[in-house]
Amino acid sequence: MKKIIFATGNEGKMKEIRMILGDLPVEILSMKEAGIHVNVVEDGSTFEENALIKAKAIGEIAKDAIVLADDSGLEVDYIHQEPGVYSARYLGEDTPYSVKNQSIIDRLEEAKGQERSARFVCVIAAYFPDGTTKTERGTIEGEIGYEEKGENGFGYDPIFYVPAYGCTTAQMDPELKNSLSHRGKALEAMKPWIKEYL
């Protein structure tokens, strides 16, 4: 059976990915499950660059598997689209998201309504065993909430409010979130390329 290795160790992410790609006839493994233990330095200046750096690095180790990698983040317009590509490293990689989320809420203290506009961006990069690469981008627009709400998501989900649904992405059930999310959209856009390769 063909394998897809997803270049992450994040369990929350793996759960989402398995749901979204569940209809493909492939085994989906995290790096850890595939026995790959490397630290890839993501020093690109865009989501695309970082996702490709990761996918290529793991792809060259994995040989016969399709490798997918994502780079995703939160862009908050009021603070010049920060934290952007530095979303995971914002205030330090080991800082709990409750602290990161509160910091963003505090920085938006003066912002009202539309001024709180934000989006999640996700770029999925694929590295195929023949050396070809593809990238796809997905976004979801929303606003920064005034406090953390919801238990279902991870990362910045509890402060990412989607007005059309009247809740944060952490308050959505997983099926709804995956159908709307930046990662869901980017993975769906990548699916035809994977199917074509298979």
Protein backbone atom coordinates (compact mmCIF):
# COMPACT_ATOMS: atom_id res chain seq x y z
CA MET A 1 0.00 0.00 0.00
CA LYS A 2 1.24 3.46 -0.88
CA LYS A 3 2.23 5.69 2.01
CA ILE A 4 1.85 9.35 2.76
CA ILE A 5 4.14 10.70 5.43
CA PHE A 6 2.98 13.97 6.92
CA ALA A 7 5.90 16.02 8.23
CA THR A 8 4.55 16.82 11.67
CA GLY A 9 4.57 15.48 15.19
CA ASN A 10 1.43 17.42 16.13
CA GLU A 11 -1.29 14.93 17.11
CA GLY A 12 -4.10 17.47 16.70
CA LYS A 13 -2.95 18.09 13.15
CA MET A 14 -2.64 14.36 12.37
CA LYS A 15 -6.21 13.77 13.51
CA GLU A 16 -7.49 16.47 11.12
CA ILE A 17 -5.33 15.22 8.24
CA ARG A 18 -6.53 11.61 8.63
CA MET A 19 -10.15 12.79 8.54
CA ILE A 20 -9.65 14.95 5.46
CA LEU A 21 -7.54 12.45 3.46
CA GLY A 22 -9.43 9.42 4.77
CA ASP A 23 -10.94 8.61 1.36
CA LEU A 24 -7.53 8.06 -0.30
CA PRO A 25 -6.25 4.46 -0.65
CA VAL A 26 -3.07 5.20 1.28
CA GLU A 27 -1.61 4.72 4.72
CA ILE A 28 -1.10 8.09 6.45
CA LEU A 29 1.80 8.27 8.89
CA SER A 30 3.31 10.99 11.03
CA MET A 31 7.10 11.40 10.92
CA LYS A 32 7.34 9.64 14.28
CA GLU A 33 5.27 6.67 13.04
CA ALA A 34 7.49 6.49 9.95
CA GLY A 35 10.56 6.41 12.21
CA ILE A 36 11.95 9.70 10.90
CA HIS A 37 13.49 11.89 13.57
CA VAL A 38 15.02 15.04 12.10
CA ASN A 39 14.74 18.69 12.91
CA VAL A 40 14.21 20.71 9.77
CA VAL A 41 15.15 24.38 9.98
CA GLU A 42 12.33 26.36 8.40
CA ASP A 43 14.08 29.58 7.45
CA GLY A 44 11.87 30.62 4.55
CA SER A 45 10.13 33.99 4.50
CA THR A 46 6.80 32.66 3.17
CA PHE A 47 4.46 29.79 4.07
CA GLU A 48 5.22 28.25 0.63
CA GLU A 49 8.99 28.30 1.16
CA ASN A 50 8.76 26.74 4.63
CA ALA A 51 6.36 23.98 3.57
CA LEU A 52 8.62 23.07 0.61
CA ILE A 53 11.79 23.08 2.75
CA LYS A 54 10.13 20.57 5.10
CA ALA A 55 8.59 18.37 2.40
CA LYS A 56 11.87 18.10 0.43
CA ALA A 57 14.00 17.38 3.50
CA ILE A 58 11.73 14.53 4.62
CA GLY A 59 11.10 13.36 1.04
CA GLU A 60 14.80 12.80 0.48
CA ILE A 61 14.88 10.52 3.55
CA ALA A 62 11.56 8.75 2.92
CA LYS A 63 12.37 7.67 -0.67
CA ASP A 64 9.23 5.80 -1.85
CA ALA A 65 6.54 7.67 0.11
CA ILE A 66 4.65 10.82 -0.84
CA VAL A 67 5.61 13.44 1.72
CA LEU A 68 3.25 16.23 2.68
CA ALA A 69 4.25 19.17 4.84
CA ASP A 70 2.34 22.21 5.87
CA ASP A 71 3.24 25.63 7.05
CA SER A 72 0.38 27.50 8.55
CA GLY A 73 -0.22 30.48 10.70
CA LEU A 74 -2.43 33.29 11.84
CA GLU A 75 -2.34 36.72 10.18
CA VAL A 76 -3.85 39.53 12.26
CA ASP A 77 -4.33 42.66 10.15
CA TYR A 78 -4.28 45.15 13.05
CA ILE A 79 -0.75 44.07 14.02
CA HIS A 80 0.68 44.04 10.47
CA GLN A 81 -0.30 40.42 9.73
CA GLU A 82 1.66 39.08 12.69
CA PRO A 83 2.44 36.44 13.84
CA GLY A 84 2.31 35.09 10.24
CA VAL A 85 5.08 32.62 9.37
CA TYR A 86 6.30 32.93 12.97
CA SER A 87 2.99 31.71 14.45
CA ALA A 88 4.47 28.56 16.05
CA ARG A 89 7.49 30.49 17.34
CA TYR A 90 5.58 33.60 18.49
CA LEU A 91 6.77 34.45 22.05
CA GLY A 92 8.92 31.29 21.96
CA GLU A 93 8.16 27.76 20.74
CA ASP A 94 7.55 26.34 24.22
CA THR A 95 5.22 29.13 25.31
CA PRO A 96 1.70 27.76 25.95
CA TYR A 97 -0.94 28.90 23.44
CA SER A 98 -3.03 30.32 26.29
CA VAL A 99 -0.22 32.87 26.77
CA LYS A 100 0.19 33.53 23.02
CA ASN A 101 -3.58 33.95 22.61
CA GLN A 102 -3.82 36.37 25.54
CA SER A 103 -0.92 38.40 24.13
CA ILE A 104 -2.74 38.84 20.80
CA ILE A 105 -6.00 39.77 22.57
CA ASP A 106 -4.08 42.36 24.64
CA ARG A 107 -2.42 43.84 21.54
CA LEU A 108 -5.88 44.33 19.99
CA GLU A 109 -7.28 46.10 23.04
CA GLU A 110 -8.08 49.26 21.02
CA ALA A 111 -9.36 47.40 17.93
CA LYS A 112 -13.10 47.15 17.31
CA GLY A 113 -15.22 45.21 14.79
CA GLN A 114 -13.60 45.03 11.34
CA GLU A 115 -10.28 46.18 12.77
CA ARG A 116 -10.03 42.73 14.39
CA SER A 117 -9.96 40.98 10.98
CA ALA A 118 -7.65 37.99 10.73
CA ARG A 119 -7.16 34.82 8.73
CA PHE A 120 -5.64 31.41 9.10
CA VAL A 121 -3.36 30.53 6.18
CA CYS A 122 -2.16 27.04 5.35
CA VAL A 123 0.15 25.96 2.56
CA ILE A 124 0.47 22.24 1.89
CA ALA A 125 3.57 21.15 -0.02
CA ALA A 126 3.85 17.69 -1.58
CA TYR A 127 7.12 16.00 -2.47
CA PHE A 128 6.57 13.00 -4.73
CA PRO A 129 9.03 10.08 -5.03
CA ASP A 130 9.92 11.18 -8.58
CA GLY A 131 11.19 14.51 -7.20
CA THR A 132 8.29 16.68 -8.34
CA THR A 133 6.72 19.14 -5.92
CA LYS A 134 3.38 20.93 -5.67
CA THR A 135 2.00 23.54 -3.27
CA GLU A 136 -1.60 24.51 -2.52
CA ARG A 137 -2.84 27.33 -0.27
CA GLY A 138 -6.02 27.54 1.78
CA THR A 139 -7.36 30.37 3.96
CA ILE A 140 -10.26 31.03 6.29
CA GLU A 141 -11.27 34.60 7.16
CA GLY A 142 -12.46 35.63 10.60
CA GLU A 143 -11.83 37.96 13.51
CA ILE A 144 -9.91 37.84 16.77
CA GLY A 145 -12.29 37.25 19.67
CA TYR A 146 -12.17 39.06 23.01
CA GLU A 147 -11.44 35.91 25.03
CA GLU A 148 -10.62 32.24 24.49
CA LYS A 149 -13.66 30.08 23.77
CA GLY A 150 -14.03 26.39 22.92
CA GLU A 151 -12.28 23.12 23.65
CA ASN A 152 -12.14 21.43 20.23
CA GLY A 153 -9.25 23.05 18.46
CA PHE A 154 -5.60 23.66 19.19
CA GLY A 155 -3.22 26.59 18.85
CA TYR A 156 -4.99 29.84 18.03
CA ASP A 157 -8.41 28.21 17.45
CA PRO A 158 -9.95 29.48 20.73
CA ILE A 159 -9.49 33.16 19.71
CA PHE A 160 -10.34 32.77 16.00
CA TYR A 161 -13.97 33.84 15.68
CA VAL A 162 -15.94 33.14 12.48
CA PRO A 163 -18.85 35.63 12.30
CA ALA A 164 -20.86 33.58 9.79
CA TYR A 165 -21.08 30.75 12.35
CA GLY A 166 -21.13 32.85 15.52
CA CYS A 167 -18.35 30.87 17.18
CA THR A 168 -14.61 30.23 17.26
CA THR A 169 -13.01 27.37 15.32
CA ALA A 170 -12.40 25.73 18.73
CA GLN A 171 -16.19 25.67 19.32
CA MET A 172 -16.95 23.92 16.00
CA ASP A 173 -17.39 20.19 15.69
CA PRO A 174 -14.46 18.61 13.80
CA GLU A 175 -16.43 17.87 10.59
CA LEU A 176 -17.56 21.49 10.25
CA LYS A 177 -14.13 22.85 11.09
CA ASN A 178 -12.42 20.59 8.52
CA SER A 179 -14.88 21.66 5.81
CA LEU A 180 -14.12 25.36 6.42
CA SER A 181 -10.56 25.39 7.67
CA HIS A 182 -7.46 26.65 5.92
CA ARG A 183 -5.85 23.20 6.28
CA GLY A 184 -8.98 21.45 5.00
CA LYS A 185 -9.11 23.67 1.90
CA ALA A 186 -5.40 23.27 1.14
CA LEU A 187 -5.55 19.48 1.58
CA GLU A 188 -8.68 19.22 -0.61
CA ALA A 189 -6.86 21.24 -3.30
CA MET A 190 -3.89 18.88 -3.02
CA LYS A 191 -5.99 15.70 -3.31
CA PRO A 192 -6.28 15.71 -7.15
CA TRP A 193 -2.46 15.84 -7.44
CA ILE A 194 -2.11 12.90 -5.05
CA LYS A 195 -4.79 10.92 -6.91
CA GLU A 196 -3.11 11.65 -10.24
CA TYR A 197 0.22 10.43 -8.87
CA LEU A 198 -1.35 7.26 -7.38
